[in-house]
Amino acid sequence: MTHNNVRTYDEAGEGWYKSSFSNSAGGSCVEVKRDQGQFFVRDSKDKRADQPIIGVGSASWAAFLSTLS
């Protein structure tokens, strides 16, 4: 099975936003990027090229955010 919504850091460009809950101690570091109608999430503290970036559509992202609040 192929997942087209998973990228690696090598394919990551500019425009990432780091969570305001992230801290310099290395915990809970998440970055998000919106690109071509999808939202991408990555772990900002591990920048190895083989680390995945997970992508979801706008509707899924909105549903995810609604469960957090």
PDB file of N, CA and C in Angstrom:
ATOM      1  N   MET A   1       0.848  -1.177   0.000  1.00  0.00           N
ATOM      2  CA  MET A   1       0.000   0.000   0.000  1.00  0.00           C
ATOM      3  C   MET A   1       0.892   1.238   0.000  1.00  0.00           C
ATOM      4  N   THR A   2       0.577   2.201  -0.826  1.00  0.00           N
ATOM      5  CA  THR A   2       1.320   3.448  -0.915  1.00  0.00           C
ATOM      6  C   THR A   2       0.529   4.571  -0.270  1.00  0.00           C
ATOM      7  N   HIS A   3       1.199   5.358   0.546  1.00  0.00           N
ATOM      8  CA  HIS A   3       0.567   6.510   1.190  1.00  0.00           C
ATOM      9  C   HIS A   3       1.159   7.770   0.578  1.00  0.00           C
ATOM     10  N   ASN A   4       0.393   8.459  -0.227  1.00  0.00           N
ATOM     11  CA  ASN A   4       0.873   9.674  -0.873  1.00  0.00           C
ATOM     12  C   ASN A   4       0.914  10.863   0.070  1.00  0.00           C
ATOM     13  N   ASN A   5       0.338  10.722   1.241  1.00  0.00           N
ATOM     14  CA  ASN A   5       0.287  11.853   2.158  1.00  0.00           C
ATOM     15  C   ASN A   5       1.388  11.801   3.217  1.00  0.00           C
ATOM     16  N   VAL A   6       2.417  11.000   2.998  1.00  0.00           N
ATOM     17  CA  VAL A   6       3.551  10.955   3.910  1.00  0.00           C
ATOM     18  C   VAL A   6       4.787  11.401   3.156  1.00  0.00           C
ATOM     19  N   ARG A   7       5.483  12.386   3.693  1.00  0.00           N
ATOM     20  CA  ARG A   7       6.693  12.922   3.077  1.00  0.00           C
ATOM     21  C   ARG A   7       7.870  12.707   4.016  1.00  0.00           C
ATOM     22  N   THR A   8       9.049  13.010   3.535  1.00  0.00           N
ATOM     23  CA  THR A   8      10.230  12.993   4.390  1.00  0.00           C
ATOM     24  C   THR A   8      10.760  14.410   4.509  1.00  0.00           C
ATOM     25  N   TYR A   9      11.680  14.633   5.426  1.00  0.00           N
ATOM     26  CA  TYR A   9      12.245  15.965   5.621  1.00  0.00           C
ATOM     27  C   TYR A   9      12.950  16.474   4.378  1.00  0.00           C
ATOM     28  N   ASP A  10      13.513  15.592   3.579  1.00  0.00           N
ATOM     29  CA  ASP A  10      14.183  16.026   2.350  1.00  0.00           C
ATOM     30  C   ASP A  10      13.232  16.767   1.419  1.00  0.00           C
ATOM     31  N   GLU A  11      11.962  16.416   1.446  1.00  0.00           N
ATOM     32  CA  GLU A  11      10.973  17.040   0.572  1.00  0.00           C
ATOM     33  C   GLU A  11      10.320  18.256   1.207  1.00  0.00           C
ATOM     34  N   ALA A  12      10.661  18.543   2.450  1.00  0.00           N
ATOM     35  CA  ALA A  12      10.025  19.647   3.172  1.00  0.00           C
ATOM     36  C   ALA A  12      10.605  20.979   2.731  1.00  0.00           C
ATOM     37  N   GLY A  13       9.730  21.947   2.527  1.00  0.00           N
ATOM     38  CA  GLY A  13      10.178  23.277   2.145  1.00  0.00           C
ATOM     39  C   GLY A  13       9.994  24.273   3.266  1.00  0.00           C
ATOM     40  N   GLU A  14       9.819  25.515   2.902  1.00  0.00           N
ATOM     41  CA  GLU A  14       9.626  26.592   3.873  1.00  0.00           C
ATOM     42  C   GLU A  14       8.159  26.657   4.291  1.00  0.00           C
ATOM     43  N   GLY A  15       7.877  27.515   5.264  1.00  0.00           N
ATOM     44  CA  GLY A  15       6.495  27.762   5.658  1.00  0.00           C
ATOM     45  C   GLY A  15       5.995  26.939   6.823  1.00  0.00           C
ATOM     46  N   TRP A  16       6.881  26.340   7.587  1.00  0.00           N
ATOM     47  CA  TRP A  16       6.471  25.558   8.746  1.00  0.00           C
ATOM     48  C   TRP A  16       6.250  26.477   9.943  1.00  0.00           C
ATOM     49  N   TYR A  17       5.237  26.155  10.751  1.00  0.00           N
ATOM     50  CA  TYR A  17       4.924  26.906  11.964  1.00  0.00           C
ATOM     51  C   TYR A  17       5.072  25.984  13.164  1.00  0.00           C
ATOM     52  N   LYS A  18       5.833  26.422  14.139  1.00  0.00           N
ATOM     53  CA  LYS A  18       6.068  25.622  15.337  1.00  0.00           C
ATOM     54  C   LYS A  18       4.985  25.901  16.367  1.00  0.00           C
ATOM     55  N   SER A  19       4.541  24.871  17.028  1.00  0.00           N
ATOM     56  CA  SER A  19       3.516  24.996  18.055  1.00  0.00           C
ATOM     57  C   SER A  19       3.954  25.947  19.158  1.00  0.00           C
ATOM     58  N   SER A  20       3.030  26.760  19.635  1.00  0.00           N
ATOM     59  CA  SER A  20       3.331  27.665  20.748  1.00  0.00           C
ATOM     60  C   SER A  20       3.518  26.891  22.051  1.00  0.00           C
ATOM     61  N   PHE A  21       3.139  25.617  22.069  1.00  0.00           N
ATOM     62  CA  PHE A  21       3.331  24.778  23.247  1.00  0.00           C
ATOM     63  C   PHE A  21       4.698  24.099  23.244  1.00  0.00           C
ATOM     64  N   SER A  22       5.454  24.249  22.170  1.00  0.00           N
ATOM     65  CA  SER A  22       6.803  23.685  22.109  1.00  0.00           C
ATOM     66  C   SER A  22       7.719  24.481  23.027  1.00  0.00           C
ATOM     67  N   ASN A  23       8.742  23.810  23.516  1.00  0.00           N
ATOM     68  CA  ASN A  23       9.683  24.512  24.385  1.00  0.00           C
ATOM     69  C   ASN A  23      11.110  24.147  24.008  1.00  0.00           C
ATOM     70  N   SER A  24      12.066  24.864  24.565  1.00  0.00           N
ATOM     71  CA  SER A  24      13.473  24.636  24.247  1.00  0.00           C
ATOM     72  C   SER A  24      14.035  23.393  24.925  1.00  0.00           C
ATOM     73  N   ALA A  25      13.279  22.774  25.821  1.00  0.00           N
ATOM     74  CA  ALA A  25      13.744  21.573  26.514  1.00  0.00           C
ATOM     75  C   ALA A  25      13.600  20.321  25.649  1.00  0.00           C
ATOM     76  N   GLY A  26      12.985  20.445  24.482  1.00  0.00           N
ATOM     77  CA  GLY A  26      12.895  19.320  23.558  1.00  0.00           C
ATOM     78  C   GLY A  26      11.620  18.509  23.643  1.00  0.00           C
ATOM     79  N   GLY A  27      10.648  18.943  24.401  1.00  0.00           N
ATOM     80  CA  GLY A  27       9.411  18.193  24.514  1.00  0.00           C
ATOM     81  C   GLY A  27       8.288  18.790  23.700  1.00  0.00           C
ATOM     82  N   SER A  28       7.376  17.971  23.241  1.00  0.00           N
ATOM     83  CA  SER A  28       6.156  18.407  22.551  1.00  0.00           C
ATOM     84  C   SER A  28       6.425  19.354  21.388  1.00  0.00           C
ATOM     85  N   CYS A  29       7.403  19.044  20.579  1.00  0.00           N
ATOM     86  CA  CYS A  29       7.766  19.923  19.462  1.00  0.00           C
ATOM     87  C   CYS A  29       7.078  19.472  18.176  1.00  0.00           C
ATOM     88  N   VAL A  30       6.086  20.226  17.775  1.00  0.00           N
ATOM     89  CA  VAL A  30       5.325  19.898  16.575  1.00  0.00           C
ATOM     90  C   VAL A  30       5.315  21.110  15.659  1.00  0.00           C
ATOM     91  N   GLU A  31       5.481  20.862  14.353  1.00  0.00           N
ATOM     92  CA  GLU A  31       5.385  21.912  13.351  1.00  0.00           C
ATOM     93  C   GLU A  31       4.297  21.540  12.358  1.00  0.00           C
ATOM     94  N   VAL A  32       3.622  22.567  11.831  1.00  0.00           N
ATOM     95  CA  VAL A  32       2.527  22.372  10.886  1.00  0.00           C
ATOM     96  C   VAL A  32       2.747  23.268   9.677  1.00  0.00           C
ATOM     97  N   LYS A  33       2.359  22.763   8.529  1.00  0.00           N
ATOM     98  CA  LYS A  33       2.461  23.527   7.282  1.00  0.00           C
ATOM     99  C   LYS A  33       1.214  23.262   6.444  1.00  0.00           C
ATOM    100  N   ARG A  34       0.701  24.308   5.816  1.00  0.00           N
ATOM    101  CA  ARG A  34      -0.416  24.148   4.882  1.00  0.00           C
ATOM    102  C   ARG A  34       0.135  24.303   3.467  1.00  0.00           C
ATOM    103  N   ASP A  35      -0.201  23.353   2.606  1.00  0.00           N
ATOM    104  CA  ASP A  35       0.309  23.368   1.242  1.00  0.00           C
ATOM    105  C   ASP A  35      -0.656  22.617   0.335  1.00  0.00           C
ATOM    106  N   GLN A  36      -1.097  23.261  -0.710  1.00  0.00           N
ATOM    107  CA  GLN A  36      -1.955  22.659  -1.731  1.00  0.00           C
ATOM    108  C   GLN A  36      -3.183  21.971  -1.139  1.00  0.00           C
ATOM    109  N   GLY A  37      -3.852  22.648  -0.206  1.00  0.00           N
ATOM    110  CA  GLY A  37      -5.097  22.137   0.363  1.00  0.00           C
ATOM    111  C   GLY A  37      -4.935  21.048   1.402  1.00  0.00           C
ATOM    112  N   GLN A  38      -3.710  20.769   1.806  1.00  0.00           N
ATOM    113  CA  GLN A  38      -3.470  19.785   2.851  1.00  0.00           C
ATOM    114  C   GLN A  38      -2.700  20.428   3.995  1.00  0.00           C
ATOM    115  N   PHE A  39      -2.776  19.784   5.152  1.00  0.00           N
ATOM    116  CA  PHE A  39      -1.999  20.192   6.313  1.00  0.00           C
ATOM    117  C   PHE A  39      -0.988  19.095   6.605  1.00  0.00           C
ATOM    118  N   PHE A  40       0.249  19.502   6.845  1.00  0.00           N
ATOM    119  CA  PHE A  40       1.324  18.558   7.112  1.00  0.00           C
ATOM    120  C   PHE A  40       1.845  18.783   8.520  1.00  0.00           C
ATOM    121  N   VAL A  41       2.121  17.694   9.222  1.00  0.00           N
ATOM    122  CA  VAL A  41       2.581  17.740  10.609  1.00  0.00           C
ATOM    123  C   VAL A  41       3.889  16.963  10.699  1.00  0.00           C
ATOM    124  N   ARG A  42       4.854  17.539  11.422  1.00  0.00           N
ATOM    125  CA  ARG A  42       6.123  16.845  11.621  1.00  0.00           C
ATOM    126  C   ARG A  42       6.654  17.097  13.022  1.00  0.00           C
ATOM    127  N   ASP A  43       7.543  16.240  13.453  1.00  0.00           N
ATOM    128  CA  ASP A  43       8.235  16.376  14.727  1.00  0.00           C
ATOM    129  C   ASP A  43       9.438  17.274  14.496  1.00  0.00           C
ATOM    130  N   SER A  44       9.461  18.437  15.108  1.00  0.00           N
ATOM    131  CA  SER A  44      10.516  19.414  14.836  1.00  0.00           C
ATOM    132  C   SER A  44      11.835  19.108  15.542  1.00  0.00           C
ATOM    133  N   LYS A  45      11.838  18.217  16.505  1.00  0.00           N
ATOM    134  CA  LYS A  45      13.079  17.972  17.238  1.00  0.00           C
ATOM    135  C   LYS A  45      13.920  16.851  16.635  1.00  0.00           C
ATOM    136  N   ASP A  46      13.406  16.169  15.620  1.00  0.00           N
ATOM    137  CA  ASP A  46      14.149  15.087  14.971  1.00  0.00           C
ATOM    138  C   ASP A  46      14.147  15.348  13.474  1.00  0.00           C
ATOM    139  N   LYS A  47      15.213  15.941  12.967  1.00  0.00           N
ATOM    140  CA  LYS A  47      15.260  16.395  11.575  1.00  0.00           C
ATOM    141  C   LYS A  47      15.976  15.417  10.643  1.00  0.00           C
ATOM    142  N   ARG A  48      16.060  14.142  11.032  1.00  0.00           N
ATOM    143  CA  ARG A  48      16.671  13.167  10.126  1.00  0.00           C
ATOM    144  C   ARG A  48      15.842  13.071   8.850  1.00  0.00           C
ATOM    145  N   ALA A  49      16.508  12.835   7.752  1.00  0.00           N
ATOM    146  CA  ALA A  49      15.843  12.823   6.451  1.00  0.00           C
ATOM    147  C   ALA A  49      14.796  11.728   6.323  1.00  0.00           C
ATOM    148  N   ASP A  50      14.906  10.661   7.094  1.00  0.00           N
ATOM    149  CA  ASP A  50      13.954   9.558   6.954  1.00  0.00           C
ATOM    150  C   ASP A  50      12.739   9.688   7.868  1.00  0.00           C
ATOM    151  N   GLN A  51      12.623  10.788   8.588  1.00  0.00           N
ATOM    152  CA  GLN A  51      11.467  10.979   9.467  1.00  0.00           C
ATOM    153  C   GLN A  51      10.248  11.391   8.651  1.00  0.00           C
ATOM    154  N   PRO A  52       9.096  10.804   8.917  1.00  0.00           N
ATOM    155  CA  PRO A  52       7.906  11.103   8.105  1.00  0.00           C
ATOM    156  C   PRO A  52       7.271  12.443   8.437  1.00  0.00           C
ATOM    157  N   ILE A  53       6.589  12.950   7.452  1.00  0.00           N
ATOM    158  CA  ILE A  53       5.717  14.106   7.593  1.00  0.00           C
ATOM    159  C   ILE A  53       4.333  13.610   7.215  1.00  0.00           C
ATOM    160  N   ILE A  54       3.381  13.757   8.111  1.00  0.00           N
ATOM    161  CA  ILE A  54       2.038  13.240   7.881  1.00  0.00           C
ATOM    162  C   ILE A  54       1.165  14.338   7.302  1.00  0.00           C
ATOM    163  N   GLY A  55       0.448  14.029   6.234  1.00  0.00           N
ATOM    164  CA  GLY A  55      -0.438  14.988   5.593  1.00  0.00           C
ATOM    165  C   GLY A  55      -1.890  14.561   5.679  1.00  0.00           C
ATOM    166  N   VAL A  56      -2.766  15.528   5.923  1.00  0.00           N
ATOM    167  CA  VAL A  56      -4.210  15.264   5.957  1.00  0.00           C
ATOM    168  C   VAL A  56      -4.935  16.381   5.217  1.00  0.00           C
ATOM    169  N   GLY A  57      -6.110  16.075   4.723  1.00  0.00           N
ATOM    170  CA  GLY A  57      -6.924  17.070   4.040  1.00  0.00           C
ATOM    171  C   GLY A  57      -7.519  18.082   5.006  1.00  0.00           C
ATOM    172  N   SER A  58      -8.065  19.149   4.448  1.00  0.00           N
ATOM    173  CA  SER A  58      -8.615  20.239   5.264  1.00  0.00           C
ATOM    174  C   SER A  58      -9.732  19.779   6.185  1.00  0.00           C
ATOM    175  N   ALA A  59     -10.628  18.923   5.693  1.00  0.00           N
ATOM    176  CA  ALA A  59     -11.743  18.449   6.521  1.00  0.00           C
ATOM    177  C   ALA A  59     -11.233  17.608   7.689  1.00  0.00           C
ATOM    178  N   SER A  60     -10.270  16.749   7.430  1.00  0.00           N
ATOM    179  CA  SER A  60      -9.695  15.927   8.501  1.00  0.00           C
ATOM    180  C   SER A  60      -8.962  16.783   9.521  1.00  0.00           C
ATOM    181  N   TRP A  61      -8.256  17.802   9.045  1.00  0.00           N
ATOM    182  CA  TRP A  61      -7.543  18.711   9.949  1.00  0.00           C
ATOM    183  C   TRP A  61      -8.533  19.450  10.849  1.00  0.00           C
ATOM    184  N   ALA A  62      -9.622  19.940  10.273  1.00  0.00           N
ATOM    185  CA  ALA A  62     -10.643  20.644  11.056  1.00  0.00           C
ATOM    186  C   ALA A  62     -11.257  19.716  12.100  1.00  0.00           C
ATOM    187  N   ALA A  63     -11.521  18.471  11.731  1.00  0.00           N
ATOM    188  CA  ALA A  63     -12.079  17.506  12.680  1.00  0.00           C
ATOM    189  C   ALA A  63     -11.088  17.223  13.807  1.00  0.00           C
ATOM    190  N   PHE A  64      -9.818  17.095  13.467  1.00  0.00           N
ATOM    191  CA  PHE A  64      -8.777  16.879  14.469  1.00  0.00           C
ATOM    192  C   PHE A  64      -8.726  18.046  15.454  1.00  0.00           C
ATOM    193  N   LEU A  65      -8.710  19.269  14.934  1.00  0.00           N
ATOM    194  CA  LEU A  65      -8.652  20.444  15.806  1.00  0.00           C
ATOM    195  C   LEU A  65      -9.879  20.556  16.700  1.00  0.00           C
ATOM    196  N   SER A  66     -11.039  20.168  16.193  1.00  0.00           N
ATOM    197  CA  SER A  66     -12.259  20.266  17.005  1.00  0.00           C
ATOM    198  C   SER A  66     -12.223  19.295  18.181  1.00  0.00           C
ATOM    199  N   THR A  67     -11.515  18.184  18.041  1.00  0.00           N
ATOM    200  CA  THR A  67     -11.407  17.250  19.163  1.00  0.00           C
ATOM    201  C   THR A  67     -10.445  17.748  20.235  1.00  0.00           C
ATOM    202  N   LEU A  68      -9.567  18.679  19.875  1.00  0.00           N
ATOM    203  CA  LEU A  68      -8.609  19.209  20.846  1.00  0.00           C
ATOM    204  C   LEU A  68      -9.197  20.293  21.731  1.00  0.00           C
ATOM    205  N   SER A  69     -10.241  20.947  21.253  1.00  0.00           N
ATOM    206  CA  SER A  69     -10.793  22.057  22.037  1.00  0.00           C
ATOM    207  C   SER A  69     -12.028  21.669  22.807  1.00  0.00           C
TER     208      SER A  69
END
